[in-house]
PDB file of N, CA and C in Angstrom:
ATOM      1  N   MET A   1       0.840  -1.179   0.000  1.00  0.00           N
ATOM      2  CA  MET A   1       0.000   0.000   0.000  1.00  0.00           C
ATOM      3  C   MET A   1       0.887   1.245   0.000  1.00  0.00           C
ATOM      4  N   LEU A   2       0.404   2.287  -0.655  1.00  0.00           N
ATOM      5  CA  LEU A   2       1.122   3.554  -0.697  1.00  0.00           C
ATOM      6  C   LEU A   2       1.104   4.222   0.670  1.00  0.00           C
ATOM      7  N   THR A   3       2.103   5.047   0.912  1.00  0.00           N
ATOM      8  CA  THR A   3       2.103   5.862   2.123  1.00  0.00           C
ATOM      9  C   THR A   3       1.287   7.132   1.856  1.00  0.00           C
ATOM     10  N   CYS A   4       0.963   7.828   2.920  1.00  0.00           N
ATOM     11  CA  CYS A   4       0.242   9.097   2.771  1.00  0.00           C
ATOM     12  C   CYS A   4       1.082  10.099   1.971  1.00  0.00           C
ATOM     13  N   GLU A   5       2.380  10.096   2.207  1.00  0.00           N
ATOM     14  CA  GLU A   5       3.263  11.002   1.471  1.00  0.00           C
ATOM     15  C   GLU A   5       3.227  10.699  -0.029  1.00  0.00           C
ATOM     16  N   GLU A   6       3.248   9.438  -0.386  1.00  0.00           N
ATOM     17  CA  GLU A   6       3.170   9.055  -1.800  1.00  0.00           C
ATOM     18  C   GLU A   6       1.814   9.449  -2.385  1.00  0.00           C
ATOM     19  N   PHE A   7       0.755   9.264  -1.596  1.00  0.00           N
ATOM     20  CA  PHE A   7      -0.575   9.662  -2.062  1.00  0.00           C
ATOM     21  C   PHE A   7      -0.620  11.162  -2.321  1.00  0.00           C
ATOM     22  N   ARG A   8      -0.117  11.955  -1.365  1.00  0.00           N
ATOM     23  CA  ARG A   8      -0.116  13.418  -1.518  1.00  0.00           C
ATOM     24  C   ARG A   8       0.691  13.853  -2.741  1.00  0.00           C
ATOM     25  N   ALA A   9       1.782  13.159  -3.007  1.00  0.00           N
ATOM     26  CA  ALA A   9       2.618  13.510  -4.160  1.00  0.00           C
ATOM     27  C   ALA A   9       1.862  13.322  -5.475  1.00  0.00           C
ATOM     28  N   GLU A  10       0.905  12.420  -5.494  1.00  0.00           N
ATOM     29  CA  GLU A  10       0.136  12.138  -6.709  1.00  0.00           C
ATOM     30  C   GLU A  10      -1.253  12.754  -6.696  1.00  0.00           C
ATOM     31  N   LEU A  11      -1.593  13.486  -5.635  1.00  0.00           N
ATOM     32  CA  LEU A  11      -2.954  13.985  -5.475  1.00  0.00           C
ATOM     33  C   LEU A  11      -3.433  14.818  -6.664  1.00  0.00           C
ATOM     34  N   SER A  12      -2.630  15.743  -7.128  1.00  0.00           N
ATOM     35  CA  SER A  12      -3.054  16.586  -8.250  1.00  0.00           C
ATOM     36  C   SER A  12      -3.372  15.762  -9.487  1.00  0.00           C
ATOM     37  N   ASN A  13      -2.491  14.825  -9.809  1.00  0.00           N
ATOM     38  CA  ASN A  13      -2.733  13.966 -10.967  1.00  0.00           C
ATOM     39  C   ASN A  13      -3.959  13.084 -10.749  1.00  0.00           C
ATOM     40  N   PHE A  14      -4.136  12.612  -9.529  1.00  0.00           N
ATOM     41  CA  PHE A  14      -5.271  11.759  -9.190  1.00  0.00           C
ATOM     42  C   PHE A  14      -6.587  12.525  -9.349  1.00  0.00           C
ATOM     43  N   VAL A  15      -6.624  13.739  -8.819  1.00  0.00           N
ATOM     44  CA  VAL A  15      -7.830  14.568  -8.930  1.00  0.00           C
ATOM     45  C   VAL A  15      -8.126  14.885 -10.394  1.00  0.00           C
ATOM     46  N   ASP A  16      -7.083  15.121 -11.174  1.00  0.00           N
ATOM     47  CA  ASP A  16      -7.247  15.443 -12.592  1.00  0.00           C
ATOM     48  C   ASP A  16      -7.424  14.211 -13.465  1.00  0.00           C
ATOM     49  N   ASP A  17      -7.445  13.033 -12.860  1.00  0.00           N
ATOM     50  CA  ASP A  17      -7.581  11.759 -13.567  1.00  0.00           C
ATOM     51  C   ASP A  17      -6.484  11.598 -14.624  1.00  0.00           C
ATOM     52  N   GLU A  18      -5.251  11.909 -14.206  1.00  0.00           N
ATOM     53  CA  GLU A  18      -4.099  11.828 -15.098  1.00  0.00           C
ATOM     54  C   GLU A  18      -3.057  10.834 -14.587  1.00  0.00           C
ATOM     55  N   THR A  19      -3.511   9.766 -13.960  1.00  0.00           N
ATOM     56  CA  THR A  19      -2.590   8.745 -13.474  1.00  0.00           C
ATOM     57  C   THR A  19      -2.757   7.479 -14.292  1.00  0.00           C
ATOM     58  N   ALA A  20      -1.679   6.720 -14.377  1.00  0.00           N
ATOM     59  CA  ALA A  20      -1.738   5.436 -15.072  1.00  0.00           C
ATOM     60  C   ALA A  20      -2.709   4.506 -14.339  1.00  0.00           C
ATOM     61  N   ARG A  21      -3.312   3.606 -15.060  1.00  0.00           N
ATOM     62  CA  ARG A  21      -4.311   2.704 -14.493  1.00  0.00           C
ATOM     63  C   ARG A  21      -3.769   1.938 -13.287  1.00  0.00           C
ATOM     64  N   SER A  22      -2.548   1.417 -13.391  1.00  0.00           N
ATOM     65  CA  SER A  22      -1.980   0.635 -12.287  1.00  0.00           C
ATOM     66  C   SER A  22      -1.748   1.496 -11.047  1.00  0.00           C
ATOM     67  N   LEU A  23      -1.288   2.730 -11.244  1.00  0.00           N
ATOM     68  CA  LEU A  23      -1.083   3.634 -10.119  1.00  0.00           C
ATOM     69  C   LEU A  23      -2.427   4.063  -9.543  1.00  0.00           C
ATOM     70  N   ARG A  24      -3.374   4.310 -10.395  1.00  0.00           N
ATOM     71  CA  ARG A  24      -4.704   4.725  -9.924  1.00  0.00           C
ATOM     72  C   ARG A  24      -5.303   3.655  -9.015  1.00  0.00           C
ATOM     73  N   ALA A  25      -5.124   2.404  -9.347  1.00  0.00           N
ATOM     74  CA  ALA A  25      -5.636   1.313  -8.504  1.00  0.00           C
ATOM     75  C   ALA A  25      -4.987   1.369  -7.122  1.00  0.00           C
ATOM     76  N   ARG A  26      -3.700   1.636  -7.072  1.00  0.00           N
ATOM     77  CA  ARG A  26      -2.994   1.740  -5.788  1.00  0.00           C
ATOM     78  C   ARG A  26      -3.461   2.967  -4.998  1.00  0.00           C
ATOM     79  N   LEU A  27      -3.696   4.070  -5.702  1.00  0.00           N
ATOM     80  CA  LEU A  27      -4.200   5.274  -5.050  1.00  0.00           C
ATOM     81  C   LEU A  27      -5.611   5.042  -4.503  1.00  0.00           C
ATOM     82  N   ASP A  28      -6.448   4.390  -5.288  1.00  0.00           N
ATOM     83  CA  ASP A  28      -7.805   4.059  -4.844  1.00  0.00           C
ATOM     84  C   ASP A  28      -7.766   3.172  -3.605  1.00  0.00           C
ATOM     85  N   HIS A  29      -6.879   2.207  -3.599  1.00  0.00           N
ATOM     86  CA  HIS A  29      -6.754   1.303  -2.455  1.00  0.00           C
ATOM     87  C   HIS A  29      -6.329   2.078  -1.207  1.00  0.00           C
ATOM     88  N   HIS A  30      -5.344   2.958  -1.356  1.00  0.00           N
ATOM     89  CA  HIS A  30      -4.904   3.764  -0.220  1.00  0.00           C
ATOM     90  C   HIS A  30      -6.053   4.632   0.281  1.00  0.00           C
ATOM     91  N   LEU A  31      -6.751   5.243  -0.635  1.00  0.00           N
ATOM     92  CA  LEU A  31      -7.856   6.120  -0.278  1.00  0.00           C
ATOM     93  C   LEU A  31      -8.955   5.366   0.476  1.00  0.00           C
ATOM     94  N   ALA A  32      -9.191   4.140   0.099  1.00  0.00           N
ATOM     95  CA  ALA A  32     -10.207   3.326   0.773  1.00  0.00           C
ATOM     96  C   ALA A  32      -9.808   2.988   2.209  1.00  0.00           C
ATOM     97  N   GLU A  33      -8.516   2.990   2.497  1.00  0.00           N
ATOM     98  CA  GLU A  33      -8.014   2.573   3.803  1.00  0.00           C
ATOM     99  C   GLU A  33      -7.609   3.729   4.725  1.00  0.00           C
ATOM    100  N   CYS A  34      -7.408   4.915   4.187  1.00  0.00           N
ATOM    101  CA  CYS A  34      -6.829   6.018   4.966  1.00  0.00           C
ATOM    102  C   CYS A  34      -7.818   7.179   5.114  1.00  0.00           C
ATOM    103  N   ARG A  35      -8.320   7.357   6.301  1.00  0.00           N
ATOM    104  CA  ARG A  35      -9.305   8.418   6.566  1.00  0.00           C
ATOM    105  C   ARG A  35      -8.702   9.812   6.347  1.00  0.00           C
ATOM    106  N   THR A  36      -7.457  10.012   6.731  1.00  0.00           N
ATOM    107  CA  THR A  36      -6.815  11.315   6.557  1.00  0.00           C
ATOM    108  C   THR A  36      -6.750  11.695   5.082  1.00  0.00           C
ATOM    109  N   CYS A  37      -6.348  10.759   4.238  1.00  0.00           N
ATOM    110  CA  CYS A  37      -6.262  11.047   2.805  1.00  0.00           C
ATOM    111  C   CYS A  37      -7.651  11.159   2.171  1.00  0.00           C
ATOM    112  N   GLN A  38      -8.636  10.462   2.713  1.00  0.00           N
ATOM    113  CA  GLN A  38     -10.016  10.621   2.236  1.00  0.00           C
ATOM    114  C   GLN A  38     -10.476  12.056   2.448  1.00  0.00           C
ATOM    115  N   ILE A  39     -10.197  12.580   3.643  1.00  0.00           N
ATOM    116  CA  ILE A  39     -10.587  13.954   3.961  1.00  0.00           C
ATOM    117  C   ILE A  39      -9.844  14.939   3.062  1.00  0.00           C
ATOM    118  N   LEU A  40      -8.551  14.711   2.876  1.00  0.00           N
ATOM    119  CA  LEU A  40      -7.753  15.568   2.004  1.00  0.00           C
ATOM    120  C   LEU A  40      -8.297  15.553   0.581  1.00  0.00           C
ATOM    121  N   TYR A  41      -8.555  14.379   0.060  1.00  0.00           N
ATOM    122  CA  TYR A  41      -9.064  14.233  -1.306  1.00  0.00           C
ATOM    123  C   TYR A  41     -10.425  14.916  -1.453  1.00  0.00           C
ATOM    124  N   ASP A  42     -11.344  14.639  -0.527  1.00  0.00           N
ATOM    125  CA  ASP A  42     -12.675  15.244  -0.596  1.00  0.00           C
ATOM    126  C   ASP A  42     -12.603  16.765  -0.499  1.00  0.00           C
ATOM    127  N   SER A  43     -11.797  17.257   0.426  1.00  0.00           N
ATOM    128  CA  SER A  43     -11.654  18.706   0.598  1.00  0.00           C
ATOM    129  C   SER A  43     -11.061  19.354  -0.642  1.00  0.00           C
ATOM    130  N   THR A  44     -10.071  18.711  -1.208  1.00  0.00           N
ATOM    131  CA  THR A  44      -9.430  19.244  -2.409  1.00  0.00           C
ATOM    132  C   THR A  44     -10.411  19.290  -3.575  1.00  0.00           C
ATOM    133  N   ARG A  45     -11.127  18.193  -3.787  1.00  0.00           N
ATOM    134  CA  ARG A  45     -12.111  18.161  -4.888  1.00  0.00           C
ATOM    135  C   ARG A  45     -13.204  19.209  -4.689  1.00  0.00           C
ATOM    136  N   LYS A  46     -13.699  19.329  -3.469  1.00  0.00           N
ATOM    137  CA  LYS A  46     -14.756  20.310  -3.198  1.00  0.00           C
ATOM    138  C   LYS A  46     -14.251  21.730  -3.408  1.00  0.00           C
ATOM    139  N   THR A  47     -13.049  22.014  -2.960  1.00  0.00           N
ATOM    140  CA  THR A  47     -12.471  23.346  -3.131  1.00  0.00           C
ATOM    141  C   THR A  47     -12.287  23.670  -4.606  1.00  0.00           C
ATOM    142  N   ILE A  48     -11.752  22.736  -5.348  1.00  0.00           N
ATOM    143  CA  ILE A  48     -11.549  22.944  -6.786  1.00  0.00           C
ATOM    144  C   ILE A  48     -12.887  23.136  -7.483  1.00  0.00           C
ATOM    145  N   THR A  49     -13.881  22.341  -7.120  1.00  0.00           N
ATOM    146  CA  THR A  49     -15.209  22.471  -7.720  1.00  0.00           C
ATOM    147  C   THR A  49     -15.800  23.849  -7.444  1.00  0.00           C
ATOM    148  N   ILE A  50     -15.714  24.295  -6.212  1.00  0.00           N
ATOM    149  CA  ILE A  50     -16.242  25.619  -5.858  1.00  0.00           C
ATOM    150  C   ILE A  50     -15.545  26.708  -6.658  1.00  0.00           C
ATOM    151  N   LEU A  51     -14.232  26.636  -6.721  1.00  0.00           N
ATOM    152  CA  LEU A  51     -13.470  27.668  -7.423  1.00  0.00           C
ATOM    153  C   LEU A  51     -13.695  27.649  -8.926  1.00  0.00           C
ATOM    154  N   THR A  52     -13.760  26.473  -9.514  1.00  0.00           N
ATOM    155  CA  THR A  52     -13.914  26.402 -10.962  1.00  0.00           C
ATOM    156  C   THR A  52     -15.361  26.610 -11.404  1.00  0.00           C
ATOM    157  N   ASP A  53     -16.327  26.293 -10.543  1.00  0.00           N
ATOM    158  CA  ASP A  53     -17.733  26.511 -10.897  1.00  0.00           C
ATOM    159  C   ASP A  53     -18.075  27.996 -10.993  1.00  0.00           C
ATOM    160  N   THR A  54     -17.330  28.825 -10.305  1.00  0.00           N
ATOM    161  CA  THR A  54     -17.590  30.260 -10.385  1.00  0.00           C
ATOM    162  C   THR A  54     -17.116  30.824 -11.721  1.00  0.00           C
ATOM    163  N   GLY A  55     -16.261  30.072 -12.405  1.00  0.00           N
ATOM    164  CA  GLY A  55     -15.772  30.503 -13.709  1.00  0.00           C
ATOM    165  C   GLY A  55     -14.747  31.618 -13.636  1.00  0.00           C
ATOM    166  N   SER A  56     -14.393  32.010 -12.435  1.00  0.00           N
ATOM    167  CA  SER A  56     -13.489  33.148 -12.310  1.00  0.00           C
ATOM    168  C   SER A  56     -12.040  32.754 -12.059  1.00  0.00           C
ATOM    169  N   LEU A  57     -11.797  31.458 -11.880  1.00  0.00           N
ATOM    170  CA  LEU A  57     -10.451  31.062 -11.501  1.00  0.00           C
ATOM    171  C   LEU A  57     -10.161  29.633 -11.940  1.00  0.00           C
ATOM    172  N   GLU A  58      -9.017  29.457 -12.556  1.00  0.00           N
ATOM    173  CA  GLU A  58      -8.527  28.124 -12.857  1.00  0.00           C
ATOM    174  C   GLU A  58      -7.231  27.944 -12.082  1.00  0.00           C
ATOM    175  N   LEU A  59      -7.160  26.880 -11.290  1.00  0.00           N
ATOM    176  CA  LEU A  59      -5.998  26.673 -10.435  1.00  0.00           C
ATOM    177  C   LEU A  59      -4.843  26.029 -11.190  1.00  0.00           C
ATOM    178  N   PRO A  60      -3.677  26.664 -11.166  1.00  0.00           N
ATOM    179  CA  PRO A  60      -2.489  26.012 -11.701  1.00  0.00           C
ATOM    180  C   PRO A  60      -2.091  24.860 -10.777  1.00  0.00           C
ATOM    181  N   PRO A  61      -1.402  23.853 -11.299  1.00  0.00           N
ATOM    182  CA  PRO A  61      -1.029  22.687 -10.489  1.00  0.00           C
ATOM    183  C   PRO A  61      -0.285  23.041  -9.204  1.00  0.00           C
ATOM    184  N   GLU A  62       0.628  24.011  -9.262  1.00  0.00           N
ATOM    185  CA  GLU A  62       1.395  24.349  -8.057  1.00  0.00           C
ATOM    186  C   GLU A  62       0.502  24.944  -6.968  1.00  0.00           C
ATOM    187  N   VAL A  63      -0.528  25.660  -7.347  1.00  0.00           N
ATOM    188  CA  VAL A  63      -1.468  26.209  -6.372  1.00  0.00           C
ATOM    189  C   VAL A  63      -2.310  25.085  -5.782  1.00  0.00           C
ATOM    190  N   SER A  64      -2.744  24.185  -6.628  1.00  0.00           N
ATOM    191  CA  SER A  64      -3.519  23.038  -6.169  1.00  0.00           C
ATOM    192  C   SER A  64      -2.725  22.210  -5.161  1.00  0.00           C
ATOM    193  N   GLU A  65      -1.460  21.981  -5.437  1.00  0.00           N
ATOM    194  CA  GLU A  65      -0.606  21.213  -4.522  1.00  0.00           C
ATOM    195  C   GLU A  65      -0.416  21.951  -3.201  1.00  0.00           C
ATOM    196  N   ARG A  66      -0.206  23.257  -3.269  1.00  0.00           N
ATOM    197  CA  ARG A  66      -0.024  24.062  -2.060  1.00  0.00           C
ATOM    198  C   ARG A  66      -1.304  24.039  -1.217  1.00  0.00           C
ATOM    199  N   LEU A  67      -2.443  24.130  -1.876  1.00  0.00           N
ATOM    200  CA  LEU A  67      -3.725  24.080  -1.188  1.00  0.00           C
ATOM    201  C   LEU A  67      -3.921  22.730  -0.512  1.00  0.00           C
ATOM    202  N   ALA A  68      -3.608  21.666  -1.218  1.00  0.00           N
ATOM    203  CA  ALA A  68      -3.738  20.321  -0.646  1.00  0.00           C
ATOM    204  C   ALA A  68      -2.837  20.161   0.575  1.00  0.00           C
ATOM    205  N   THR A  69      -1.636  20.684   0.508  1.00  0.00           N
ATOM    206  CA  THR A  69      -0.701  20.608   1.633  1.00  0.00           C
ATOM    207  C   THR A  69      -1.247  21.374   2.831  1.00  0.00           C
ATOM    208  N   ARG A  70      -1.797  22.529   2.606  1.00  0.00           N
ATOM    209  CA  ARG A  70      -2.353  23.332   3.704  1.00  0.00           C
ATOM    210  C   ARG A  70      -3.551  22.634   4.340  1.00  0.00           C
ATOM    211  N   ILE A  71      -4.413  22.063   3.531  1.00  0.00           N
ATOM    212  CA  ILE A  71      -5.582  21.361   4.061  1.00  0.00           C
ATOM    213  C   ILE A  71      -5.143  20.176   4.898  1.00  0.00           C
ATOM    214  N   LEU A  72      -4.189  19.407   4.398  1.00  0.00           N
ATOM    215  CA  LEU A  72      -3.704  18.248   5.143  1.00  0.00           C
ATOM    216  C   LEU A  72      -3.082  18.675   6.465  1.00  0.00           C
ATOM    217  N   SER A  73      -2.310  19.743   6.451  1.00  0.00           N
ATOM    218  CA  SER A  73      -1.688  20.235   7.678  1.00  0.00           C
ATOM    219  C   SER A  73      -2.749  20.641   8.691  1.00  0.00           C
ATOM    220  N   ALA A  74      -3.785  21.303   8.217  1.00  0.00           N
ATOM    221  CA  ALA A  74      -4.870  21.718   9.110  1.00  0.00           C
ATOM    222  C   ALA A  74      -5.600  20.511   9.684  1.00  0.00           C
ATOM    223  N   ILE A  75      -5.797  19.489   8.877  1.00  0.00           N
ATOM    224  CA  ILE A  75      -6.463  18.269   9.349  1.00  0.00           C
ATOM    225  C   ILE A  75      -5.635  17.612  10.432  1.00  0.00           C
ATOM    226  N   LYS A  76      -4.334  17.509  10.199  1.00  0.00           N
ATOM    227  CA  LYS A  76      -3.449  16.875  11.173  1.00  0.00           C
ATOM    228  C   LYS A  76      -3.395  17.649  12.480  1.00  0.00           C
ATOM    229  N   ASN A  77      -3.517  18.975  12.394  1.00  0.00           N
ATOM    230  CA  ASN A  77      -3.423  19.825  13.579  1.00  0.00           C
ATOM    231  C   ASN A  77      -4.781  20.149  14.192  1.00  0.00           C
ATOM    232  N   GLY A  78      -5.857  19.627  13.591  1.00  0.00           N
ATOM    233  CA  GLY A  78      -7.192  19.852  14.122  1.00  0.00           C
ATOM    234  C   GLY A  78      -7.677  21.277  13.973  1.00  0.00           C
ATOM    235  N   GLU A  79      -7.199  21.946  12.932  1.00  0.00           N
ATOM    236  CA  GLU A  79      -7.571  23.335  12.694  1.00  0.00           C
ATOM    237  C   GLU A  79      -8.469  23.433  11.475  1.00  0.00           C
ATOM    238  N   GLU A  80      -9.029  24.612  11.274  1.00  0.00           N
ATOM    239  CA  GLU A  80      -9.780  24.862  10.040  1.00  0.00           C
ATOM    240  C   GLU A  80      -8.801  25.258   8.955  1.00  0.00           C
ATOM    241  N   ALA A  81      -9.045  24.775   7.742  1.00  0.00           N
ATOM    242  CA  ALA A  81      -8.193  25.145   6.609  1.00  0.00           C
ATOM    243  C   ALA A  81      -8.582  26.517   6.159  1.00  0.00           C
TER     244      ALA A  81
END
């Protein structure tokens, strides 16, 4: 199984559905087993959906990664993102 760090490294590609089939299966498996990464993934997708649905902003990959890192840090520390 992938580690949380490995999952986070692939999060942007995973959200964008740009991962190889074999890697995607491993990411899906990790996601099914890890509550922290489930929260990170859900929060990231919801944030991206909110931002892109307004039509006013498209997130570059580096911003998406930074946002995911901040959300994960907040989850680990029990804070609001």
